[in-house]
Amino acid sequence: MEIKQIKDNNEWESFLESQDPFIYVQSTKYGQFNQAMGDDYITIGIYENNKIIGGAMFLTINARRGRFMYAPYSPILDYKDKEQIQKFTNEIKKIAKQKKMDFIRISPFEDETSEYITNLKSAGFKKSPMHMIAETTWILELNDTEENIMKNMKQNHRNLIRRADRDGVKITSSKNIEDVKKIHQLLVTTAKRHNFVPFSLKYLETEFKTFLESDSVRIYLAHHEGDLLAAAIVFFHGNTAVYKHGASNMLKPKVPASYAIQWAAIKEAKKRGLKYYNFWGIAPEGQKKHPFYGITHFKKGFNGFQKDLIPALDLPVTPKYWFNFLVETFRRIKRGF
């Protein structure tokens, strides 16, 4: 077994094509987005007989609280194999020291099991004080006809999608970066309503522009009688569509614009031959105070299944990690989740 940096992005992308699922944040494109935001990325592969069998794309992030490497929905490992986990951990820790990083954070896209978490903790990982990506997510499989996907939704959702059409809600799909401003304005409105901090306009525009180069992102806008009511950004990359950003202004709360947007995006994912539609984060079962609680019913109503992921884990590299631990613990308590 050999663990080394991957210099050819195509090699990592080819490996990801064989993974199920393959989500856009695992790709080197996402690393390039992080690069465009002023940081960087590095891709590490695990090889056996010169064939790649695992690894991770790490974002390298320069934060005031500490410099760290972060693997969104990675690494891809055999989480039952303690030896593989330990060898990978040892190597990435060496790389982190060379790059003068204070810690490493991982968010694997793997089911949360006591065995996997125990194996990772045995290699030196500790539970992170704060997550950076959805850890309870809702996924719709697309291996059925549009008719059956609609049929398997909750009746309320079917009715609202049909009503949106009858009421004259117009859904447009856009590749125009200027339209990112529209969704950002709606996000600011939504954030005030639900008490969260929205992504910056620069973040949204840079992410959109990076994935637009490969035609793997769309903005969806919902208008009714000339009024913009809701919008979303959906990524179509690998074998998974991801509903990452969505917002509405409640100008006409009885017009089901957001339902129509989701149905348009699901149909586009089907048209592209993708396997999954990922609704991103939902509230864990029974957590009514969770910020995602209000949209959980909305997402689940389209049918699908819940996936509870291994929570974010940290590997300390320097003593400065503990300063970051205190800062993030305070932030988590303040925001409530």
C-alpha atoms as a PDB file:
ATOM      1  CA  MET A   1       0.000   0.000   0.000  1.00  0.00           C
ATOM      2  CA  GLU A   2       1.316   3.439  -0.956  1.00  0.00           C
ATOM      3  CA  ILE A   3      -0.108   6.824   0.011  1.00  0.00           C
ATOM      4  CA  LYS A   4       0.939   9.856  -2.017  1.00  0.00           C
ATOM      5  CA  GLN A   5      -0.183  13.147  -3.506  1.00  0.00           C
ATOM      6  CA  ILE A   6      -2.156  12.941  -6.755  1.00  0.00           C
ATOM      7  CA  LYS A   7      -0.794  15.437  -9.273  1.00  0.00           C
ATOM      8  CA  ASP A   8      -3.137  14.545 -12.160  1.00  0.00           C
ATOM      9  CA  ASN A   9      -6.677  15.753 -11.426  1.00  0.00           C
ATOM     10  CA  ASN A  10      -8.068  13.419 -14.089  1.00  0.00           C
ATOM     11  CA  GLU A  11      -6.790  10.428 -12.115  1.00  0.00           C
ATOM     12  CA  TRP A  12      -8.797  11.448  -9.043  1.00  0.00           C
ATOM     13  CA  GLU A  13     -11.893  12.319 -11.108  1.00  0.00           C
ATOM     14  CA  SER A  14     -11.728   8.914 -12.879  1.00  0.00           C
ATOM     15  CA  PHE A  15     -11.606   7.199  -9.484  1.00  0.00           C
ATOM     16  CA  LEU A  16     -14.583   9.231  -8.254  1.00  0.00           C
ATOM     17  CA  GLU A  17     -16.596   8.172 -11.302  1.00  0.00           C
ATOM     18  CA  SER A  18     -16.497   4.631  -9.894  1.00  0.00           C
ATOM     19  CA  GLN A  19     -17.792   5.720  -6.483  1.00  0.00           C
ATOM     20  CA  ASP A  20     -21.394   5.577  -5.347  1.00  0.00           C
ATOM     21  CA  PRO A  21     -22.300   8.286  -4.663  1.00  0.00           C
ATOM     22  CA  PHE A  22     -20.004  10.810  -6.343  1.00  0.00           C
ATOM     23  CA  ILE A  23     -20.815  14.250  -4.914  1.00  0.00           C
ATOM     24  CA  TYR A  24     -19.536  17.544  -6.266  1.00  0.00           C
ATOM     25  CA  VAL A  25     -17.726  18.600  -3.068  1.00  0.00           C
ATOM     26  CA  GLN A  26     -15.388  15.583  -3.389  1.00  0.00           C
ATOM     27  CA  SER A  27     -14.106  16.747  -6.774  1.00  0.00           C
ATOM     28  CA  THR A  28     -10.989  18.724  -7.605  1.00  0.00           C
ATOM     29  CA  LYS A  29     -13.381  21.300  -9.096  1.00  0.00           C
ATOM     30  CA  TYR A  30     -14.433  22.054  -5.526  1.00  0.00           C
ATOM     31  CA  GLY A  31     -10.774  22.382  -4.633  1.00  0.00           C
ATOM     32  CA  GLN A  32     -10.380  24.875  -7.471  1.00  0.00           C
ATOM     33  CA  PHE A  33     -13.323  26.808  -6.033  1.00  0.00           C
ATOM     34  CA  ASN A  34     -11.504  26.955  -2.687  1.00  0.00           C
ATOM     35  CA  GLN A  35      -8.397  28.112  -4.560  1.00  0.00           C
ATOM     36  CA  ALA A  36     -10.386  30.890  -6.242  1.00  0.00           C
ATOM     37  CA  MET A  37     -11.566  31.986  -2.780  1.00  0.00           C
ATOM     38  CA  GLY A  38      -7.932  32.525  -1.754  1.00  0.00           C
ATOM     39  CA  ASP A  39      -6.951  29.201  -0.168  1.00  0.00           C
ATOM     40  CA  ASP A  40      -5.789  25.958  -1.838  1.00  0.00           C
ATOM     41  CA  TYR A  41      -6.297  22.196  -2.056  1.00  0.00           C
ATOM     42  CA  ILE A  42      -4.332  18.964  -2.181  1.00  0.00           C
ATOM     43  CA  THR A  43      -5.458  15.492  -3.291  1.00  0.00           C
ATOM     44  CA  ILE A  44      -4.039  12.410  -1.560  1.00  0.00           C
ATOM     45  CA  GLY A  45      -4.475   8.914  -3.000  1.00  0.00           C
ATOM     46  CA  ILE A  46      -4.200   5.441  -1.517  1.00  0.00           C
ATOM     47  CA  TYR A  47      -2.659   2.978  -3.980  1.00  0.00           C
ATOM     48  CA  GLU A  48      -2.466  -0.782  -4.033  1.00  0.00           C
ATOM     49  CA  ASN A  49      -0.419  -2.398  -6.809  1.00  0.00           C
ATOM     50  CA  ASN A  50      -0.247   1.047  -8.466  1.00  0.00           C
ATOM     51  CA  LYS A  51      -4.051   1.263  -8.583  1.00  0.00           C
ATOM     52  CA  ILE A  52      -5.898   3.960  -6.657  1.00  0.00           C
ATOM     53  CA  ILE A  53      -8.287   2.460  -4.085  1.00  0.00           C
ATOM     54  CA  GLY A  54      -9.101   5.499  -1.936  1.00  0.00           C
ATOM     55  CA  GLY A  55      -8.055   8.908  -0.722  1.00  0.00           C
ATOM     56  CA  ALA A  56      -9.366  12.430  -0.285  1.00  0.00           C
ATOM     57  CA  MET A  57      -9.381  15.910  -1.748  1.00  0.00           C
ATOM     58  CA  PHE A  58      -8.396  18.235   1.105  1.00  0.00           C
ATOM     59  CA  LEU A  59      -9.132  21.943   1.131  1.00  0.00           C
ATOM     60  CA  THR A  60      -6.331  23.874   2.844  1.00  0.00           C
ATOM     61  CA  ILE A  61      -7.883  26.694   4.836  1.00  0.00           C
ATOM     62  CA  ASN A  62      -6.116  29.659   6.430  1.00  0.00           C
ATOM     63  CA  ALA A  63      -8.384  30.781   9.251  1.00  0.00           C
ATOM     64  CA  ARG A  64      -7.424  33.167  12.051  1.00  0.00           C
ATOM     65  CA  ARG A  65      -8.289  30.481  14.598  1.00  0.00           C
ATOM     66  CA  GLY A  66      -5.846  28.048  12.933  1.00  0.00           C
ATOM     67  CA  ARG A  67      -4.698  26.642   9.583  1.00  0.00           C
ATOM     68  CA  PHE A  68      -6.250  23.311   8.681  1.00  0.00           C
ATOM     69  CA  MET A  69      -6.863  20.706   5.991  1.00  0.00           C
ATOM     70  CA  TYR A  70     -10.499  19.784   5.457  1.00  0.00           C
ATOM     71  CA  ALA A  71     -11.939  16.827   3.498  1.00  0.00           C
ATOM     72  CA  PRO A  72     -15.618  17.476   2.581  1.00  0.00           C
ATOM     73  CA  TYR A  73     -17.455  14.129   2.308  1.00  0.00           C
ATOM     74  CA  SER A  74     -14.087  12.351   2.347  1.00  0.00           C
ATOM     75  CA  PRO A  75     -11.824  10.474   2.790  1.00  0.00           C
ATOM     76  CA  ILE A  76     -12.914   7.470   0.784  1.00  0.00           C
ATOM     77  CA  LEU A  77     -11.531   4.548   2.790  1.00  0.00           C
ATOM     78  CA  ASP A  78     -12.356   1.054   3.943  1.00  0.00           C
ATOM     79  CA  TYR A  79     -13.555   2.128   7.381  1.00  0.00           C
ATOM     80  CA  LYS A  80     -13.421  -1.468   8.633  1.00  0.00           C
ATOM     81  CA  ASP A  81      -9.703  -1.677   7.844  1.00  0.00           C
ATOM     82  CA  LYS A  82      -7.836  -0.293  10.883  1.00  0.00           C
ATOM     83  CA  GLU A  83      -4.450  -0.692   9.196  1.00  0.00           C
ATOM     84  CA  GLN A  84      -5.504   1.327   6.142  1.00  0.00           C
ATOM     85  CA  ILE A  85      -7.001   4.064   8.331  1.00  0.00           C
ATOM     86  CA  GLN A  86      -3.845   4.272  10.472  1.00  0.00           C
ATOM     87  CA  LYS A  87      -1.474   4.401   7.484  1.00  0.00           C
ATOM     88  CA  PHE A  88      -3.564   7.086   5.801  1.00  0.00           C
ATOM     89  CA  THR A  89      -3.753   9.083   9.051  1.00  0.00           C
ATOM     90  CA  ASN A  90       0.021   8.888   9.575  1.00  0.00           C
ATOM     91  CA  GLU A  91       0.708  10.128   6.042  1.00  0.00           C
ATOM     92  CA  ILE A  92      -1.752  13.035   6.029  1.00  0.00           C
ATOM     93  CA  LYS A  93      -0.419  14.143   9.414  1.00  0.00           C
ATOM     94  CA  LYS A  94       3.103  14.286   7.911  1.00  0.00           C
ATOM     95  CA  ILE A  95       1.768  16.366   5.004  1.00  0.00           C
ATOM     96  CA  ALA A  96      -0.093  18.664   7.408  1.00  0.00           C
ATOM     97  CA  LYS A  97       3.120  19.262   9.392  1.00  0.00           C
ATOM     98  CA  GLN A  98       5.032  20.033   6.185  1.00  0.00           C
ATOM     99  CA  LYS A  99       2.352  22.566   5.233  1.00  0.00           C
ATOM    100  CA  LYS A 100       2.381  24.030   8.760  1.00  0.00           C
ATOM    101  CA  MET A 101      -1.254  23.108   9.425  1.00  0.00           C
ATOM    102  CA  ASP A 102      -2.652  23.080  12.965  1.00  0.00           C
ATOM    103  CA  PHE A 103      -5.178  20.295  12.459  1.00  0.00           C
ATOM    104  CA  ILE A 104      -6.987  18.087   9.955  1.00  0.00           C
ATOM    105  CA  ARG A 105     -10.782  17.803   9.752  1.00  0.00           C
ATOM    106  CA  ILE A 106     -12.703  15.086   7.921  1.00  0.00           C
ATOM    107  CA  SER A 107     -16.424  14.702   7.135  1.00  0.00           C
ATOM    108  CA  PRO A 108     -16.804  11.215   5.635  1.00  0.00           C
ATOM    109  CA  PHE A 109     -19.856  10.367   3.520  1.00  0.00           C
ATOM    110  CA  GLU A 110     -20.261   7.099   5.400  1.00  0.00           C
ATOM    111  CA  ASP A 111     -23.018   5.795   7.651  1.00  0.00           C
ATOM    112  CA  GLU A 112     -22.478   6.644  11.293  1.00  0.00           C
ATOM    113  CA  THR A 113     -21.604   3.379  13.027  1.00  0.00           C
ATOM    114  CA  SER A 114     -19.850   2.780  16.331  1.00  0.00           C
ATOM    115  CA  GLU A 115     -17.297   0.544  14.565  1.00  0.00           C
ATOM    116  CA  TYR A 116     -16.240   3.221  12.068  1.00  0.00           C
ATOM    117  CA  ILE A 117     -16.027   5.946  14.699  1.00  0.00           C
ATOM    118  CA  THR A 118     -14.050   3.681  17.053  1.00  0.00           C
ATOM    119  CA  ASN A 119     -11.572   2.859  14.289  1.00  0.00           C
ATOM    120  CA  LEU A 120     -11.072   6.540  13.450  1.00  0.00           C
ATOM    121  CA  LYS A 121     -10.643   7.509  17.092  1.00  0.00           C
ATOM    122  CA  SER A 122      -8.097   4.705  17.493  1.00  0.00           C
ATOM    123  CA  ALA A 123      -6.070   6.413  14.745  1.00  0.00           C
ATOM    124  CA  GLY A 124      -6.075   9.692  16.695  1.00  0.00           C
ATOM    125  CA  PHE A 125      -9.214  11.499  15.517  1.00  0.00           C
ATOM    126  CA  LYS A 126     -11.448  13.364  17.970  1.00  0.00           C
ATOM    127  CA  LYS A 127     -15.022  14.585  17.607  1.00  0.00           C
ATOM    128  CA  SER A 128     -15.003  18.059  16.128  1.00  0.00           C
ATOM    129  CA  PRO A 129     -16.657  20.850  18.134  1.00  0.00           C
ATOM    130  CA  MET A 130     -18.481  22.023  14.993  1.00  0.00           C
ATOM    131  CA  HIS A 131     -19.608  20.559  11.666  1.00  0.00           C
ATOM    132  CA  MET A 132     -18.921  22.192   8.291  1.00  0.00           C
ATOM    133  CA  ILE A 133     -21.258  20.241   6.016  1.00  0.00           C
ATOM    134  CA  ALA A 134     -24.612  18.463   6.343  1.00  0.00           C
ATOM    135  CA  GLU A 135     -24.297  15.409   8.615  1.00  0.00           C
ATOM    136  CA  THR A 136     -27.952  14.354   8.488  1.00  0.00           C
ATOM    137  CA  THR A 137     -29.032  14.395   4.879  1.00  0.00           C
ATOM    138  CA  TRP A 138     -32.070  13.407   2.781  1.00  0.00           C
ATOM    139  CA  ILE A 139     -31.622  11.585  -0.525  1.00  0.00           C
ATOM    140  CA  LEU A 140     -34.030  10.663  -3.317  1.00  0.00           C
ATOM    141  CA  GLU A 141     -33.116   7.808  -5.648  1.00  0.00           C
ATOM    142  CA  LEU A 142     -33.872   8.573  -9.292  1.00  0.00           C
ATOM    143  CA  ASN A 143     -34.034   5.011 -10.625  1.00  0.00           C
ATOM    144  CA  ASP A 144     -37.753   5.238 -11.402  1.00  0.00           C
ATOM    145  CA  THR A 145     -40.008   7.020 -13.873  1.00  0.00           C
ATOM    146  CA  GLU A 146     -41.059  10.644 -13.343  1.00  0.00           C
ATOM    147  CA  GLU A 147     -44.614   9.377 -12.954  1.00  0.00           C
ATOM    148  CA  ASN A 148     -43.657   7.015 -10.124  1.00  0.00           C
ATOM    149  CA  ILE A 149     -41.387   9.570  -8.425  1.00  0.00           C
ATOM    150  CA  MET A 150     -44.352  11.942  -8.345  1.00  0.00           C
ATOM    151  CA  LYS A 151     -46.664   9.146  -7.192  1.00  0.00           C
ATOM    152  CA  ASN A 152     -44.372   8.279  -4.258  1.00  0.00           C
ATOM    153  CA  MET A 153     -44.292  11.832  -2.895  1.00  0.00           C
ATOM    154  CA  LYS A 154     -46.597  12.873  -0.097  1.00  0.00           C
ATOM    155  CA  GLN A 155     -50.020  13.742  -1.487  1.00  0.00           C
ATOM    156  CA  ASN A 156     -49.662  17.318  -0.263  1.00  0.00           C
ATOM    157  CA  HIS A 157     -46.462  17.766  -2.316  1.00  0.00           C
ATOM    158  CA  ARG A 158     -48.068  16.318  -5.462  1.00  0.00           C
ATOM    159  CA  ASN A 159     -51.020  18.634  -5.067  1.00  0.00           C
ATOM    160  CA  LEU A 160     -48.858  21.714  -4.526  1.00  0.00           C
ATOM    161  CA  ILE A 161     -46.665  20.983  -7.563  1.00  0.00           C
ATOM    162  CA  ARG A 162     -49.777  20.652  -9.715  1.00  0.00           C
ATOM    163  CA  ARG A 163     -51.321  23.738  -8.172  1.00  0.00           C
ATOM    164  CA  ALA A 164     -48.190  25.788  -8.907  1.00  0.00           C
ATOM    165  CA  ASP A 165     -48.603  24.866 -12.561  1.00  0.00           C
ATOM    166  CA  ARG A 166     -52.318  25.765 -12.548  1.00  0.00           C
ATOM    167  CA  ASP A 167     -51.625  29.055 -10.765  1.00  0.00           C
ATOM    168  CA  GLY A 168     -49.158  30.088 -13.441  1.00  0.00           C
ATOM    169  CA  VAL A 169     -45.876  29.760 -11.537  1.00  0.00           C
ATOM    170  CA  LYS A 170     -43.091  30.017 -14.115  1.00  0.00           C
ATOM    171  CA  ILE A 171     -39.818  28.181 -13.443  1.00  0.00           C
ATOM    172  CA  THR A 172     -36.770  29.279 -15.403  1.00  0.00           C
ATOM    173  CA  SER A 173     -33.366  27.585 -15.446  1.00  0.00           C
ATOM    174  CA  SER A 174     -30.459  30.013 -15.706  1.00  0.00           C
ATOM    175  CA  LYS A 175     -26.715  29.888 -16.412  1.00  0.00           C
ATOM    176  CA  ASN A 176     -26.368  33.658 -16.001  1.00  0.00           C
ATOM    177  CA  ILE A 177     -24.003  34.569 -13.162  1.00  0.00           C
ATOM    178  CA  GLU A 178     -25.900  37.855 -12.705  1.00  0.00           C
ATOM    179  CA  ASP A 179     -28.816  35.802 -11.384  1.00  0.00           C
ATOM    180  CA  VAL A 180     -26.681  34.755  -8.404  1.00  0.00           C
ATOM    181  CA  LYS A 181     -27.358  38.238  -7.012  1.00  0.00           C
ATOM    182  CA  LYS A 182     -31.086  37.443  -7.028  1.00  0.00           C
ATOM    183  CA  ILE A 183     -30.686  34.308  -4.967  1.00  0.00           C
ATOM    184  CA  HIS A 184     -28.292  36.080  -2.610  1.00  0.00           C
ATOM    185  CA  GLN A 185     -30.903  38.780  -1.956  1.00  0.00           C
ATOM    186  CA  LEU A 186     -33.474  36.077  -1.240  1.00  0.00           C
ATOM    187  CA  LEU A 187     -31.007  34.272   1.049  1.00  0.00           C
ATOM    188  CA  VAL A 188     -30.493  37.434   3.085  1.00  0.00           C
ATOM    189  CA  THR A 189     -34.288  37.680   3.484  1.00  0.00           C
ATOM    190  CA  THR A 190     -34.573  33.990   4.412  1.00  0.00           C
ATOM    191  CA  ALA A 191     -31.663  34.250   6.872  1.00  0.00           C
ATOM    192  CA  LYS A 192     -33.404  37.039   8.771  1.00  0.00           C
ATOM    193  CA  ARG A 193     -36.559  34.925   8.953  1.00  0.00           C
ATOM    194  CA  HIS A 194     -34.795  31.753  10.175  1.00  0.00           C
ATOM    195  CA  ASN A 195     -31.901  33.349  12.092  1.00  0.00           C
ATOM    196  CA  PHE A 196     -28.838  32.020  10.251  1.00  0.00           C
ATOM    197  CA  VAL A 197     -25.812  33.598   8.546  1.00  0.00           C
ATOM    198  CA  PRO A 198     -26.097  33.358   4.735  1.00  0.00           C
ATOM    199  CA  PHE A 199     -23.211  32.662   2.356  1.00  0.00           C
ATOM    200  CA  SER A 200     -21.579  35.776   0.952  1.00  0.00           C
ATOM    201  CA  LEU A 201     -22.237  36.913  -2.607  1.00  0.00           C
ATOM    202  CA  LYS A 202     -18.568  36.279  -3.431  1.00  0.00           C
ATOM    203  CA  TYR A 203     -18.858  32.686  -2.169  1.00  0.00           C
ATOM    204  CA  LEU A 204     -21.993  31.999  -4.215  1.00  0.00           C
ATOM    205  CA  GLU A 205     -20.651  33.618  -7.388  1.00  0.00           C
ATOM    206  CA  THR A 206     -17.274  31.865  -7.186  1.00  0.00           C
ATOM    207  CA  GLU A 207     -18.816  28.445  -6.538  1.00  0.00           C
ATOM    208  CA  PHE A 208     -21.331  28.943  -9.353  1.00  0.00           C
ATOM    209  CA  LYS A 209     -18.702  30.139 -11.834  1.00  0.00           C
ATOM    210  CA  THR A 210     -16.351  27.221 -11.051  1.00  0.00           C
ATOM    211  CA  PHE A 211     -18.967  24.561 -11.792  1.00  0.00           C
ATOM    212  CA  LEU A 212     -20.547  26.445 -14.692  1.00  0.00           C
ATOM    213  CA  GLU A 213     -17.359  25.690 -16.680  1.00  0.00           C
ATOM    214  CA  SER A 214     -18.393  22.017 -16.770  1.00  0.00           C
ATOM    215  CA  ASP A 215     -22.110  22.781 -17.213  1.00  0.00           C
ATOM    216  CA  SER A 216     -22.846  21.174 -13.840  1.00  0.00           C
ATOM    217  CA  VAL A 217     -24.831  23.892 -12.073  1.00  0.00           C
ATOM    218  CA  ARG A 218     -28.096  25.749 -12.608  1.00  0.00           C
ATOM    219  CA  ILE A 219     -30.010  28.561 -10.953  1.00  0.00           C
ATOM    220  CA  TYR A 220     -33.770  28.011 -10.710  1.00  0.00           C
ATOM    221  CA  LEU A 221     -36.030  31.052 -10.446  1.00  0.00           C
ATOM    222  CA  ALA A 222     -39.759  30.909  -9.650  1.00  0.00           C
ATOM    223  CA  HIS A 223     -41.908  33.842 -10.824  1.00  0.00           C
ATOM    224  CA  HIS A 224     -45.615  34.429 -10.361  1.00  0.00           C
ATOM    225  CA  GLU A 225     -47.326  37.277 -12.211  1.00  0.00           C
ATOM    226  CA  GLY A 226     -43.927  38.907 -12.671  1.00  0.00           C
ATOM    227  CA  ASP A 227     -42.855  38.604  -9.018  1.00  0.00           C
ATOM    228  CA  LEU A 228     -39.770  36.599  -8.066  1.00  0.00           C
ATOM    229  CA  LEU A 229     -40.861  34.369  -5.158  1.00  0.00           C
ATOM    230  CA  ALA A 230     -38.133  31.742  -4.744  1.00  0.00           C
ATOM    231  CA  ALA A 231     -34.800  30.597  -6.146  1.00  0.00           C
ATOM    232  CA  ALA A 232     -32.307  27.771  -5.789  1.00  0.00           C
ATOM    233  CA  ILE A 233     -28.845  26.731  -6.932  1.00  0.00           C
ATOM    234  CA  VAL A 234     -28.564  23.040  -7.811  1.00  0.00           C
ATOM    235  CA  PHE A 235     -25.341  21.206  -8.721  1.00  0.00           C
ATOM    236  CA  PHE A 236     -25.374  18.293 -11.201  1.00  0.00           C
ATOM    237  CA  HIS A 237     -21.970  16.640 -10.838  1.00  0.00           C
ATOM    238  CA  GLY A 238     -20.854  13.035 -10.759  1.00  0.00           C
ATOM    239  CA  ASN A 239     -23.919  10.825 -10.267  1.00  0.00           C
ATOM    240  CA  THR A 240     -25.635  13.138  -7.766  1.00  0.00           C
ATOM    241  CA  ALA A 241     -27.648  16.344  -8.018  1.00  0.00           C
ATOM    242  CA  VAL A 242     -27.330  18.530  -4.913  1.00  0.00           C
ATOM    243  CA  TYR A 243     -29.853  21.130  -3.774  1.00  0.00           C
ATOM    244  CA  LYS A 244     -27.304  23.288  -1.955  1.00  0.00           C
ATOM    245  CA  HIS A 245     -28.789  26.800  -1.788  1.00  0.00           C
ATOM    246  CA  GLY A 246     -32.462  27.743  -1.674  1.00  0.00           C
ATOM    247  CA  ALA A 247     -34.426  30.762  -0.547  1.00  0.00           C
ATOM    248  CA  SER A 248     -37.795  32.505  -0.753  1.00  0.00           C
ATOM    249  CA  ASN A 249     -39.180  35.910   0.230  1.00  0.00           C
ATOM    250  CA  MET A 250     -42.699  34.970   1.453  1.00  0.00           C
ATOM    251  CA  LEU A 251     -44.131  37.697  -0.805  1.00  0.00           C
ATOM    252  CA  LYS A 252     -46.971  35.309  -1.693  1.00  0.00           C
ATOM    253  CA  PRO A 253     -46.788  32.535   0.926  1.00  0.00           C
ATOM    254  CA  LYS A 254     -49.766  30.636  -0.493  1.00  0.00           C
ATOM    255  CA  VAL A 255     -48.153  30.228  -3.929  1.00  0.00           C
ATOM    256  CA  PRO A 256     -46.125  26.945  -3.834  1.00  0.00           C
ATOM    257  CA  ALA A 257     -43.129  28.250  -5.793  1.00  0.00           C
ATOM    258  CA  SER A 258     -40.456  26.253  -3.919  1.00  0.00           C
ATOM    259  CA  TYR A 259     -42.235  22.962  -4.637  1.00  0.00           C
ATOM    260  CA  ALA A 260     -42.235  23.740  -8.356  1.00  0.00           C
ATOM    261  CA  ILE A 261     -38.495  24.530  -8.257  1.00  0.00           C
ATOM    262  CA  GLN A 262     -37.686  21.169  -6.682  1.00  0.00           C
ATOM    263  CA  TRP A 263     -39.749  19.288  -9.220  1.00  0.00           C
ATOM    264  CA  ALA A 264     -38.017  21.113 -12.098  1.00  0.00           C
ATOM    265  CA  ALA A 265     -34.572  20.263 -10.659  1.00  0.00           C
ATOM    266  CA  ILE A 266     -35.498  16.614 -10.039  1.00  0.00           C
ATOM    267  CA  LYS A 267     -36.661  16.299 -13.657  1.00  0.00           C
ATOM    268  CA  GLU A 268     -33.388  17.846 -14.870  1.00  0.00           C
ATOM    269  CA  ALA A 269     -31.399  15.359 -12.768  1.00  0.00           C
ATOM    270  CA  LYS A 270     -33.421  12.522 -14.327  1.00  0.00           C
ATOM    271  CA  LYS A 271     -32.808  13.944 -17.808  1.00  0.00           C
ATOM    272  CA  ARG A 272     -29.046  13.969 -17.141  1.00  0.00           C
ATOM    273  CA  GLY A 273     -29.154  10.314 -16.099  1.00  0.00           C
ATOM    274  CA  LEU A 274     -28.074  10.959 -12.501  1.00  0.00           C
ATOM    275  CA  LYS A 275     -28.651   8.392  -9.782  1.00  0.00           C
ATOM    276  CA  TYR A 276     -29.438  10.548  -6.751  1.00  0.00           C
ATOM    277  CA  TYR A 277     -31.003  13.868  -5.786  1.00  0.00           C
ATOM    278  CA  ASN A 278     -29.499  15.079  -2.519  1.00  0.00           C
ATOM    279  CA  PHE A 279     -31.638  17.577  -0.591  1.00  0.00           C
ATOM    280  CA  TRP A 280     -28.649  18.385   1.665  1.00  0.00           C
ATOM    281  CA  GLY A 281     -29.211  19.016   5.380  1.00  0.00           C
ATOM    282  CA  ILE A 282     -32.230  18.132   7.503  1.00  0.00           C
ATOM    283  CA  ALA A 283     -32.785  18.214  11.265  1.00  0.00           C
ATOM    284  CA  PRO A 284     -31.921  15.019  13.167  1.00  0.00           C
ATOM    285  CA  GLU A 285     -34.953  13.108  14.414  1.00  0.00           C
ATOM    286  CA  GLY A 286     -36.768  14.881  17.244  1.00  0.00           C
ATOM    287  CA  GLN A 287     -34.599  18.027  17.307  1.00  0.00           C
ATOM    288  CA  LYS A 288     -37.294  20.681  17.031  1.00  0.00           C
ATOM    289  CA  LYS A 289     -34.897  23.511  17.897  1.00  0.00           C
ATOM    290  CA  HIS A 290     -32.517  22.628  15.056  1.00  0.00           C
ATOM    291  CA  PRO A 291     -32.294  25.420  12.405  1.00  0.00           C
ATOM    292  CA  PHE A 292     -33.188  22.900   9.673  1.00  0.00           C
ATOM    293  CA  TYR A 293     -36.328  21.712  11.465  1.00  0.00           C
ATOM    294  CA  GLY A 294     -38.582  24.061   9.498  1.00  0.00           C
ATOM    295  CA  ILE A 295     -37.455  22.763   6.090  1.00  0.00           C
ATOM    296  CA  THR A 296     -37.149  19.093   7.057  1.00  0.00           C
ATOM    297  CA  HIS A 297     -40.837  18.331   6.421  1.00  0.00           C
ATOM    298  CA  PHE A 298     -40.578  20.095   3.049  1.00  0.00           C
ATOM    299  CA  LYS A 299     -37.598  17.994   1.942  1.00  0.00           C
ATOM    300  CA  LYS A 300     -38.884  14.664   3.251  1.00  0.00           C
ATOM    301  CA  GLY A 301     -42.201  15.117   1.476  1.00  0.00           C
ATOM    302  CA  PHE A 302     -40.559  14.456  -1.905  1.00  0.00           C
ATOM    303  CA  ASN A 303     -39.836  10.887  -0.738  1.00  0.00           C
ATOM    304  CA  GLY A 304     -36.402   9.368  -0.233  1.00  0.00           C
ATOM    305  CA  PHE A 305     -34.330   8.177   2.697  1.00  0.00           C
ATOM    306  CA  GLN A 306     -32.362   9.673   5.562  1.00  0.00           C
ATOM    307  CA  LYS A 307     -28.612   9.126   5.771  1.00  0.00           C
ATOM    308  CA  ASP A 308     -26.913   9.805   9.111  1.00  0.00           C
ATOM    309  CA  LEU A 309     -23.225  10.393   8.471  1.00  0.00           C
ATOM    310  CA  ILE A 310     -20.101  10.071  10.582  1.00  0.00           C
ATOM    311  CA  PRO A 311     -19.851  13.453  12.348  1.00  0.00           C
ATOM    312  CA  ALA A 312     -16.908  15.744  11.637  1.00  0.00           C
ATOM    313  CA  LEU A 313     -13.707  14.500  13.258  1.00  0.00           C
ATOM    314  CA  ASP A 314     -10.458  16.348  13.945  1.00  0.00           C
ATOM    315  CA  LEU A 315      -6.842  15.231  14.037  1.00  0.00           C
ATOM    316  CA  PRO A 316      -4.792  17.730  16.097  1.00  0.00           C
ATOM    317  CA  VAL A 317      -1.373  18.536  14.624  1.00  0.00           C
ATOM    318  CA  THR A 318      -0.122  21.452  16.772  1.00  0.00           C
ATOM    319  CA  PRO A 319      -1.156  22.802  20.204  1.00  0.00           C
ATOM    320  CA  LYS A 320      -2.917  25.699  18.429  1.00  0.00           C
ATOM    321  CA  TYR A 321      -5.714  23.233  17.634  1.00  0.00           C
ATOM    322  CA  TRP A 322      -7.014  23.652  21.177  1.00  0.00           C
ATOM    323  CA  PHE A 323      -7.495  27.387  20.663  1.00  0.00           C
ATOM    324  CA  ASN A 324      -9.616  26.526  17.610  1.00  0.00           C
ATOM    325  CA  PHE A 325     -11.482  23.956  19.716  1.00  0.00           C
ATOM    326  CA  LEU A 326     -12.486  26.621  22.256  1.00  0.00           C
ATOM    327  CA  VAL A 327     -13.490  29.169  19.567  1.00  0.00           C
ATOM    328  CA  GLU A 328     -15.655  26.658  17.698  1.00  0.00           C
ATOM    329  CA  THR A 329     -17.215  25.282  20.876  1.00  0.00           C
ATOM    330  CA  PHE A 330     -18.320  28.812  21.745  1.00  0.00           C
ATOM    331  CA  ARG A 331     -19.693  29.322  18.207  1.00  0.00           C
ATOM    332  CA  ARG A 332     -21.615  26.053  18.337  1.00  0.00           C
ATOM    333  CA  ILE A 333     -23.237  26.932  21.640  1.00  0.00           C
ATOM    334  CA  LYS A 334     -24.114  30.396  20.349  1.00  0.00           C
ATOM    335  CA  ARG A 335     -25.781  29.159  17.151  1.00  0.00           C
ATOM    336  CA  GLY A 336     -27.533  26.275  18.888  1.00  0.00           C
ATOM    337  CA  PHE A 337     -26.360  23.260  16.879  1.00  0.00           C
END
